[in-house]
Amino acid sequence: MMNTQELKIKYKKLLNKAAKANGRKETVSYLNRAANIKSKLYSKTKVSCFRCNGVGFLRISLDETKTCLSCYGRGFLIKEIY
């Protein structure tokens, strides 16, 4: 079983890979793996995204919205535990 520090490192690496991924399927697979690790580590430390306020998308006009890239559409960020 990995300890907390190793899981944090693996989580950050997966998020970096997702940001640099080429296609949608590759990005989603990295984000799903990171979500599994996140659920083990940070079950109660969700913080609403500063750009979308926890909604997961940014409203551009009344008819158009775009996915928030700060939180990858999930609506929350992870608070660092030291």
N, C-alpha and C. Protein backbone atom coordinates (compact mmCIF):
# COMPACT_ATOMS: atom_id res chain seq x y z
N MET A 1 0.83 -1.18 0.00
CA MET A 1 0.00 0.00 0.00
C MET A 1 0.88 1.24 0.00
N MET A 2 0.54 2.19 -0.85
CA MET A 2 1.32 3.43 -0.93
C MET A 2 0.97 4.36 0.23
N ASN A 3 1.96 5.10 0.68
CA ASN A 3 1.67 6.07 1.73
C ASN A 3 1.14 7.36 1.12
N THR A 4 0.76 8.30 1.97
CA THR A 4 0.11 9.53 1.52
C THR A 4 1.01 10.35 0.61
N GLN A 5 2.27 10.45 0.95
CA GLN A 5 3.20 11.27 0.14
C GLN A 5 3.34 10.71 -1.28
N GLU A 6 3.45 9.39 -1.40
CA GLU A 6 3.57 8.77 -2.72
C GLU A 6 2.29 8.98 -3.54
N LEU A 7 1.13 8.90 -2.88
CA LEU A 7 -0.13 9.11 -3.58
C LEU A 7 -0.25 10.55 -4.07
N LYS A 8 0.20 11.52 -3.27
CA LYS A 8 0.17 12.92 -3.69
C LYS A 8 1.03 13.14 -4.92
N ILE A 9 2.22 12.53 -4.93
CA ILE A 9 3.13 12.67 -6.07
C ILE A 9 2.51 12.06 -7.32
N LYS A 10 1.93 10.88 -7.18
CA LYS A 10 1.31 10.21 -8.32
C LYS A 10 0.11 11.02 -8.84
N TYR A 11 -0.66 11.62 -7.93
CA TYR A 11 -1.81 12.44 -8.31
C TYR A 11 -1.36 13.65 -9.11
N LYS A 12 -0.33 14.34 -8.66
CA LYS A 12 0.17 15.52 -9.37
C LYS A 12 0.73 15.14 -10.74
N LYS A 13 1.40 14.00 -10.85
CA LYS A 13 1.93 13.56 -12.14
C LYS A 13 0.79 13.27 -13.12
N LEU A 14 -0.27 12.65 -12.63
CA LEU A 14 -1.40 12.35 -13.52
C LEU A 14 -2.08 13.63 -14.00
N LEU A 15 -2.21 14.64 -13.13
CA LEU A 15 -2.80 15.90 -13.56
C LEU A 15 -1.92 16.61 -14.59
N ASN A 16 -0.61 16.53 -14.41
CA ASN A 16 0.30 17.13 -15.40
C ASN A 16 0.19 16.41 -16.73
N LYS A 17 0.09 15.08 -16.70
CA LYS A 17 -0.07 14.32 -17.94
C LYS A 17 -1.39 14.67 -18.62
N ALA A 18 -2.45 14.87 -17.83
CA ALA A 18 -3.75 15.22 -18.41
C ALA A 18 -3.70 16.59 -19.08
N ALA A 19 -2.96 17.51 -18.50
CA ALA A 19 -2.85 18.84 -19.09
C ALA A 19 -2.08 18.81 -20.40
N LYS A 20 -1.16 17.86 -20.54
CA LYS A 20 -0.33 17.77 -21.74
C LYS A 20 -0.83 16.73 -22.74
N ALA A 21 -1.93 16.06 -22.44
CA ALA A 21 -2.43 14.98 -23.30
C ALA A 21 -2.89 15.51 -24.64
N ASN A 22 -2.83 14.64 -25.66
CA ASN A 22 -3.18 15.03 -27.02
C ASN A 22 -4.67 14.96 -27.30
N GLY A 23 -5.31 13.88 -26.93
CA GLY A 23 -6.70 13.69 -27.31
C GLY A 23 -7.63 13.65 -26.10
N ARG A 24 -8.92 13.65 -26.40
CA ARG A 24 -9.93 13.65 -25.36
C ARG A 24 -9.91 12.35 -24.54
N LYS A 25 -9.81 11.21 -25.22
CA LYS A 25 -9.82 9.92 -24.52
C LYS A 25 -8.62 9.78 -23.58
N GLU A 26 -7.47 10.22 -24.04
CA GLU A 26 -6.27 10.16 -23.22
C GLU A 26 -6.41 11.05 -21.99
N THR A 27 -6.94 12.25 -22.18
CA THR A 27 -7.14 13.18 -21.07
C THR A 27 -8.12 12.62 -20.06
N VAL A 28 -9.22 12.06 -20.54
CA VAL A 28 -10.23 11.50 -19.65
C VAL A 28 -9.67 10.32 -18.86
N SER A 29 -8.87 9.49 -19.48
CA SER A 29 -8.30 8.35 -18.76
C SER A 29 -7.37 8.81 -17.64
N TYR A 30 -6.55 9.83 -17.90
CA TYR A 30 -5.69 10.37 -16.85
C TYR A 30 -6.51 10.99 -15.72
N LEU A 31 -7.55 11.73 -16.09
CA LEU A 31 -8.38 12.37 -15.07
C LEU A 31 -9.15 11.35 -14.23
N ASN A 32 -9.59 10.26 -14.83
CA ASN A 32 -10.27 9.21 -14.07
C ASN A 32 -9.32 8.54 -13.08
N ARG A 33 -8.10 8.27 -13.51
CA ARG A 33 -7.11 7.69 -12.59
C ARG A 33 -6.81 8.65 -11.45
N ALA A 34 -6.68 9.93 -11.78
CA ALA A 34 -6.41 10.94 -10.74
C ALA A 34 -7.59 11.05 -9.78
N ALA A 35 -8.80 10.92 -10.28
CA ALA A 35 -9.98 11.00 -9.42
C ALA A 35 -10.02 9.85 -8.42
N ASN A 36 -9.59 8.67 -8.85
CA ASN A 36 -9.54 7.53 -7.93
C ASN A 36 -8.54 7.78 -6.81
N ILE A 37 -7.40 8.33 -7.15
CA ILE A 37 -6.39 8.63 -6.14
C ILE A 37 -6.88 9.75 -5.23
N LYS A 38 -7.52 10.76 -5.81
CA LYS A 38 -8.02 11.88 -5.03
C LYS A 38 -9.04 11.43 -4.01
N SER A 39 -9.90 10.51 -4.38
CA SER A 39 -10.92 10.05 -3.45
C SER A 39 -10.31 9.34 -2.25
N LYS A 40 -9.18 8.70 -2.45
CA LYS A 40 -8.48 8.06 -1.33
C LYS A 40 -7.86 9.10 -0.41
N LEU A 41 -7.32 10.16 -0.98
CA LEU A 41 -6.59 11.15 -0.20
C LEU A 41 -7.46 12.25 0.39
N TYR A 42 -8.26 12.86 -0.45
CA TYR A 42 -8.91 14.12 -0.10
C TYR A 42 -10.42 14.01 -0.11
N SER A 43 -10.98 13.18 0.72
CA SER A 43 -12.42 13.00 0.68
C SER A 43 -13.17 14.21 1.23
N LYS A 44 -12.54 14.98 2.13
CA LYS A 44 -13.27 16.08 2.76
C LYS A 44 -12.61 17.43 2.55
N THR A 45 -11.72 17.57 1.60
CA THR A 45 -11.02 18.84 1.42
C THR A 45 -11.32 19.49 0.08
N LYS A 46 -12.55 19.42 -0.34
CA LYS A 46 -12.94 20.06 -1.60
C LYS A 46 -13.09 21.55 -1.39
N VAL A 47 -12.58 22.32 -2.33
CA VAL A 47 -12.71 23.78 -2.32
C VAL A 47 -13.33 24.17 -3.65
N SER A 48 -14.32 25.03 -3.61
CA SER A 48 -14.95 25.47 -4.86
C SER A 48 -13.92 26.16 -5.75
N CYS A 49 -14.02 25.93 -7.03
CA CYS A 49 -13.11 26.52 -8.01
C CYS A 49 -13.27 28.04 -7.98
N PHE A 50 -12.15 28.75 -8.06
CA PHE A 50 -12.18 30.21 -8.01
C PHE A 50 -12.68 30.82 -9.30
N ARG A 51 -12.64 30.10 -10.40
CA ARG A 51 -13.11 30.67 -11.67
C ARG A 51 -14.59 30.41 -11.92
N CYS A 52 -15.07 29.22 -11.60
CA CYS A 52 -16.46 28.89 -11.92
C CYS A 52 -17.34 28.79 -10.67
N ASN A 53 -16.79 29.02 -9.49
CA ASN A 53 -17.52 28.97 -8.22
C ASN A 53 -18.23 27.63 -7.99
N GLY A 54 -17.60 26.54 -8.39
CA GLY A 54 -18.14 25.21 -8.12
C GLY A 54 -19.16 24.71 -9.12
N VAL A 55 -19.37 25.43 -10.21
CA VAL A 55 -20.36 25.01 -11.19
C VAL A 55 -19.76 24.02 -12.19
N GLY A 56 -18.51 24.23 -12.59
CA GLY A 56 -17.86 23.34 -13.55
C GLY A 56 -17.84 23.89 -14.96
N PHE A 57 -18.56 24.96 -15.21
CA PHE A 57 -18.55 25.57 -16.54
C PHE A 57 -18.61 27.09 -16.40
N LEU A 58 -18.16 27.77 -17.41
CA LEU A 58 -18.18 29.22 -17.45
C LEU A 58 -19.23 29.67 -18.46
N ARG A 59 -20.13 30.53 -18.04
CA ARG A 59 -21.16 31.04 -18.94
C ARG A 59 -20.60 32.22 -19.71
N ILE A 60 -20.59 32.10 -21.03
CA ILE A 60 -20.08 33.15 -21.89
C ILE A 60 -21.21 34.09 -22.29
N SER A 61 -22.31 33.53 -22.68
CA SER A 61 -23.50 34.31 -22.99
C SER A 61 -24.70 33.50 -22.51
N LEU A 62 -25.89 33.96 -22.81
CA LEU A 62 -27.07 33.22 -22.36
C LEU A 62 -27.20 31.87 -23.04
N ASP A 63 -26.66 31.74 -24.24
CA ASP A 63 -26.81 30.51 -25.00
C ASP A 63 -25.56 29.64 -25.01
N GLU A 64 -24.46 30.11 -24.48
CA GLU A 64 -23.20 29.40 -24.65
C GLU A 64 -22.46 29.27 -23.33
N THR A 65 -21.94 28.07 -23.07
CA THR A 65 -21.10 27.82 -21.90
C THR A 65 -19.89 27.03 -22.33
N LYS A 66 -18.82 27.15 -21.58
CA LYS A 66 -17.60 26.38 -21.83
C LYS A 66 -17.15 25.73 -20.54
N THR A 67 -16.51 24.58 -20.65
CA THR A 67 -15.99 23.88 -19.49
C THR A 67 -14.86 24.68 -18.85
N CYS A 68 -14.88 24.76 -17.54
CA CYS A 68 -13.83 25.47 -16.80
C CYS A 68 -12.57 24.62 -16.84
N LEU A 69 -11.47 25.19 -17.31
CA LEU A 69 -10.23 24.43 -17.41
C LEU A 69 -9.40 24.47 -16.14
N SER A 70 -9.74 25.30 -15.20
CA SER A 70 -9.02 25.32 -13.92
C SER A 70 -9.35 24.08 -13.10
N CYS A 71 -10.60 23.68 -13.12
CA CYS A 71 -11.01 22.50 -12.35
C CYS A 71 -11.38 21.32 -13.26
N TYR A 72 -11.19 21.46 -14.56
CA TYR A 72 -11.53 20.44 -15.56
C TYR A 72 -13.01 20.05 -15.51
N GLY A 73 -13.87 21.02 -15.20
CA GLY A 73 -15.31 20.78 -15.23
C GLY A 73 -15.86 20.08 -14.01
N ARG A 74 -15.05 19.85 -13.02
CA ARG A 74 -15.52 19.15 -11.83
C ARG A 74 -16.09 20.11 -10.79
N GLY A 75 -15.72 21.38 -10.84
CA GLY A 75 -16.28 22.37 -9.94
C GLY A 75 -15.55 22.55 -8.65
N PHE A 76 -14.51 21.77 -8.41
CA PHE A 76 -13.77 21.94 -7.17
C PHE A 76 -12.29 21.75 -7.40
N LEU A 77 -11.51 22.30 -6.51
CA LEU A 77 -10.07 22.14 -6.50
C LEU A 77 -9.69 21.42 -5.20
N ILE A 78 -8.47 20.94 -5.15
CA ILE A 78 -8.01 20.23 -3.97
C ILE A 78 -7.17 21.15 -3.11
N LYS A 79 -7.51 21.26 -1.85
CA LYS A 79 -6.71 22.05 -0.92
C LYS A 79 -5.51 21.21 -0.47
N GLU A 80 -4.34 21.80 -0.48
CA GLU A 80 -3.14 21.08 -0.06
C GLU A 80 -3.15 20.81 1.43
N ILE A 81 -2.82 19.60 1.82
CA ILE A 81 -2.68 19.24 3.21
C ILE A 81 -1.20 19.11 3.51
N TYR A 82 -0.73 19.86 4.47
CA TYR A 82 0.70 19.84 4.80
C TYR A 82 0.98 19.03 6.02
